[in-house]
Structures are given as structure tokens and as C-alpha cells.
């Protein structure tokens, strides 16, 4: 047995009888005018951009969560200055995260077999900071740079250029280090 019309679940009565619980009549769907629809779309896109890219947006959240997975939770300086005789572990981790392999053009030695090199030597006033450090495998660090006299330049985009002592040979890396797993 069924109850009187309009007393069942919403939308179960005859067409046009509405929702008995709220007393709201059901109306057929209506299309919005194109201008209103365009304004609504623009507003939604603006809000989506704010949610994704604002200072507290999703992109910032994901970026900090990714960085938190790679670096310690305690903030540590990336510029130790000239007094450091060795590269601190947190700075070595930052160099590894940036370079991901031997930075000498054409070499793909993994970070575990690399050493951290001061581009400008400490003895010549070079500081122990992220922009003056890069990873080099033992051959390129000890032989090519320190014994044969090659120089290496780290560019802002992560690429490097190695130059022979006489300046006649120049080797360039053609892409920044990959962002793949180390």
C-alpha cells in the first residue's frame, strides 16, 4: 500500500507535485543565458587559479610536501661561508638533489660515487654555498679538474660547461639534470 500522493521520497509523485518534505515544487532544468554562463565560467576559473597557485594554494602545498620529503624538517643554511673546511651533510644533500649525477658534461656517475667540489676553491676565496658546489666523480674531480687543470662553470639553469686549461676545448651539458629518482 502506498501513502497519499506527495508523501513519498522526493520526485516519486506525479510530475509537478514537487518535494513533499520541503514543499518546493520541482521545476524543469533551465539553460543559463550565454553571457551569464561565460561570467560564471570566468569566476570559477579565477577561483580555481587562486586555489591552485596562491601562496597557500595546492601547488605551494605539494611543492613544500615534496621538498619536505627530500630535506630535513629543520631549516638549515645553504650558505656556510668560507670558514667551513668540509661540506656539511645537509648541504651535500642539497647538491645531490640539484645535480643528481656527476656534473661534468657527458658523465653519468651516480651521486653515491661522487664528491662535492668547490667551483671556486676555498683557498681562492670560494665559499661553501650551494651556488659554488657541484658533484663530480673522482676522475673528473681529482684528475680532470685538479691534476689536468680543467675548469667547470655551473649555470643558473643547472647546466655546466667544462673548459680545458688552454681554452681550446669546451664541453657543454645540453640539459639540466633530470628530476628522476636518485
Protein backbone atom coordinates (compact mmCIF):
# COMPACT_ATOMS: atom_id res chain seq x y z
CA UNK A 1 0.00 0.00 0.00
CA UNK A 2 1.17 3.46 -0.78
CA UNK A 3 0.53 6.68 1.12
CA UNK A 4 -1.21 9.78 -0.18
CA UNK A 5 0.38 11.48 -3.20
CA UNK A 6 3.36 13.68 -2.32
CA UNK A 7 4.28 11.84 0.89
CA UNK A 8 6.91 9.50 -0.57
CA UNK A 9 10.58 10.17 -1.33
CA UNK A 10 11.30 13.32 -3.37
CA UNK A 11 10.46 13.03 -7.04
CA UNK A 12 8.28 9.93 -6.66
CA UNK A 13 4.92 11.64 -7.02
CA UNK A 14 3.21 12.69 -10.23
CA UNK A 15 5.15 15.24 -12.35
CA UNK A 16 4.98 18.78 -11.00
CA UNK A 17 3.94 17.77 -7.46
CA UNK A 18 7.37 18.70 -6.06
CA UNK A 19 9.19 17.64 -2.92
CA UNK A 20 6.68 17.00 -0.15
CA UNK A 21 9.33 17.21 2.58
CA UNK A 22 10.48 20.73 1.71
CA UNK A 23 7.38 21.99 -0.01
CA UNK A 24 9.50 23.01 -3.02
CA UNK A 25 7.96 22.36 -6.40
CA UNK A 26 10.24 20.58 -8.88
CA UNK A 27 10.94 22.73 -11.92
CA UNK A 28 12.30 21.59 -15.25
CA UNK A 29 16.01 22.40 -15.79
CA UNK A 30 16.63 25.81 -17.36
CA UNK A 31 19.55 26.91 -19.51
CA UNK A 32 21.51 29.97 -18.43
CA UNK A 33 21.96 32.81 -20.92
CA UNK A 34 25.36 32.57 -22.68
CA UNK A 35 26.66 35.79 -21.03
CA UNK A 36 25.79 34.56 -17.56
CA UNK A 37 27.35 31.20 -18.32
CA UNK A 38 30.57 32.89 -19.54
CA UNK A 39 30.76 35.08 -16.39
CA UNK A 40 30.20 32.04 -14.20
CA UNK A 41 32.93 30.13 -16.04
CA UNK A 42 35.38 33.06 -15.65
CA UNK A 43 34.62 33.31 -11.94
CA UNK A 44 35.12 29.59 -11.41
CA UNK A 45 38.41 29.64 -13.32
CA UNK A 46 39.61 32.60 -11.23
CA UNK A 47 38.79 30.75 -8.02
CA UNK A 48 40.46 27.59 -9.32
CA UNK A 49 43.61 29.56 -10.16
CA UNK A 50 43.63 31.05 -6.64
CA UNK A 51 43.20 27.62 -5.07
CA UNK A 52 45.97 26.10 -7.18
CA UNK A 53 48.56 28.86 -7.30
CA UNK A 54 48.08 31.21 -4.37
CA UNK A 55 50.63 31.37 -1.54
CA UNK A 56 48.59 28.80 0.35
CA UNK A 57 47.36 27.03 -2.76
CA UNK A 58 47.55 23.42 -3.79
CA UNK A 59 50.71 23.92 -5.85
CA UNK A 60 52.54 25.50 -2.90
CA UNK A 61 51.31 22.71 -0.63
CA UNK A 62 52.53 19.99 -2.99
CA UNK A 63 55.85 21.78 -3.52
CA UNK A 64 56.52 22.01 0.22
CA UNK A 65 55.43 18.42 0.77
CA UNK A 66 57.84 17.29 -1.98
CA UNK A 67 60.67 19.34 -0.51
CA UNK A 68 59.86 18.06 2.96
CA UNK A 69 60.33 14.52 1.68
CA UNK A 70 63.81 15.38 0.32
CA UNK A 71 65.19 17.66 3.02
CA UNK A 72 65.18 17.58 6.82
CA UNK A 73 62.30 19.31 8.57
CA UNK A 74 64.69 21.68 10.34
CA UNK A 75 65.65 24.62 8.14
CA UNK A 76 69.41 24.67 7.57
CA UNK A 77 71.53 27.31 5.78
CA UNK A 78 72.59 26.67 2.20
CA UNK A 79 75.47 29.15 2.53
CA UNK A 80 78.01 28.17 5.19
CA UNK A 81 80.62 30.76 4.18
CA UNK A 82 84.41 30.46 3.95
CA UNK A 83 85.07 29.03 7.42
CA UNK A 84 83.80 25.52 6.64
CA UNK A 85 86.59 23.11 5.75
CA UNK A 86 84.13 20.36 4.83
CA UNK A 87 80.71 20.41 3.22
CA UNK A 88 78.00 19.80 5.86
CA UNK A 89 75.69 16.81 5.24
CA UNK A 90 72.58 18.97 4.67
CA UNK A 91 74.39 21.00 2.00
CA UNK A 92 75.68 17.80 0.34
CA UNK A 93 72.06 16.54 0.20
CA UNK A 94 71.00 19.80 -1.47
CA UNK A 95 73.80 19.48 -4.08
CA UNK A 96 72.82 15.84 -4.74
CA UNK A 97 69.18 16.83 -5.11
CA UNK A 98 70.11 19.52 -7.63
CA UNK A 99 72.82 17.73 -9.69
CA UNK A 100 71.63 14.08 -9.45
CA UNK A 101 74.86 12.84 -11.13
CA UNK A 102 78.43 13.89 -11.90
CA UNK A 103 78.11 17.43 -13.25
CA UNK A 104 80.99 17.12 -15.74
CA UNK A 105 79.42 17.24 -19.24
CA UNK A 106 78.81 13.76 -20.61
CA UNK A 107 79.36 11.89 -17.33
CA UNK A 108 76.53 9.96 -15.69
CA UNK A 109 78.18 8.67 -12.49
CA UNK A 110 75.64 8.34 -9.69
CA UNK A 111 75.81 10.64 -6.63
CA UNK A 112 76.88 7.79 -4.34
CA UNK A 113 80.22 7.65 -6.17
CA UNK A 114 80.67 11.43 -6.45
CA UNK A 115 82.45 14.07 -4.38
CA UNK A 116 81.31 17.63 -3.73
CA UNK A 117 83.66 20.10 -5.45
CA UNK A 118 84.11 23.83 -4.71
CA UNK A 119 83.93 25.51 -8.14
CA UNK A 120 85.97 28.44 -6.85
CA UNK A 121 88.43 26.87 -4.36
CA UNK A 122 88.22 27.90 -0.71
CA UNK A 123 91.89 28.94 -0.89
CA UNK A 124 90.94 31.45 -3.61
CA UNK A 125 88.05 32.88 -1.59
CA UNK A 126 85.38 30.40 -2.68
CA UNK A 127 82.54 29.96 -0.22
CA UNK A 128 80.83 26.80 0.91
CA UNK A 129 77.43 27.57 -0.58
CA UNK A 130 75.06 25.81 -2.95
CA UNK A 131 75.97 28.02 -5.92
CA UNK A 132 79.70 27.27 -5.53
CA UNK A 133 79.36 23.49 -5.16
CA UNK A 134 78.70 20.67 -7.59
CA UNK A 135 79.03 16.89 -7.77
CA UNK A 136 81.98 15.36 -9.61
CA UNK A 137 83.01 11.73 -9.90
CA UNK A 138 86.55 11.00 -8.60
CA UNK A 139 88.05 11.01 -12.13
CA UNK A 140 86.64 14.38 -13.13
CA UNK A 141 87.26 15.89 -9.68
CA UNK A 142 90.78 14.69 -8.95
CA UNK A 143 92.19 14.15 -12.45
CA UNK A 144 90.40 16.45 -14.92
CA UNK A 145 89.95 19.43 -12.56
CA UNK A 146 92.79 19.23 -10.01
CA UNK A 147 95.54 17.46 -11.99
CA UNK A 148 94.92 18.47 -15.62
CA UNK A 149 93.58 21.95 -14.80
CA UNK A 150 90.17 21.91 -16.46
CA UNK A 151 87.67 24.45 -15.12
CA UNK A 152 83.94 23.97 -14.75
CA UNK A 153 81.15 26.52 -14.69
CA UNK A 154 77.69 25.95 -13.20
CA UNK A 155 74.96 27.91 -14.98
CA UNK A 156 71.73 29.12 -13.36
CA UNK A 157 69.64 26.56 -15.26
CA UNK A 158 71.68 23.63 -13.87
CA UNK A 159 73.78 23.00 -16.99
CA UNK A 160 77.59 23.03 -16.84
CA UNK A 161 80.45 23.99 -19.13
CA UNK A 162 83.91 22.42 -18.78
CA UNK A 163 86.87 24.20 -20.36
CA UNK A 164 90.37 22.81 -20.98
CA UNK A 165 93.34 24.65 -19.42
CA UNK A 166 94.36 26.22 -22.76
CA UNK A 167 90.74 27.21 -23.50
CA UNK A 168 90.70 25.38 -26.85
CA UNK A 169 88.25 22.66 -25.78
CA UNK A 170 84.83 23.37 -24.33
CA UNK A 171 82.34 20.71 -23.29
CA UNK A 172 78.74 21.63 -22.52
CA UNK A 173 75.96 19.68 -20.89
CA UNK A 174 72.85 20.04 -23.03
CA UNK A 175 70.14 19.74 -20.43
CA UNK A 176 69.70 20.30 -16.72
CA UNK A 177 69.95 17.20 -14.52
CA UNK A 178 66.87 15.00 -14.74
CA UNK A 179 64.31 15.07 -11.97
CA UNK A 180 64.17 11.29 -11.79
CA UNK A 181 64.92 9.30 -8.67
CA UNK A 182 68.49 9.22 -7.42
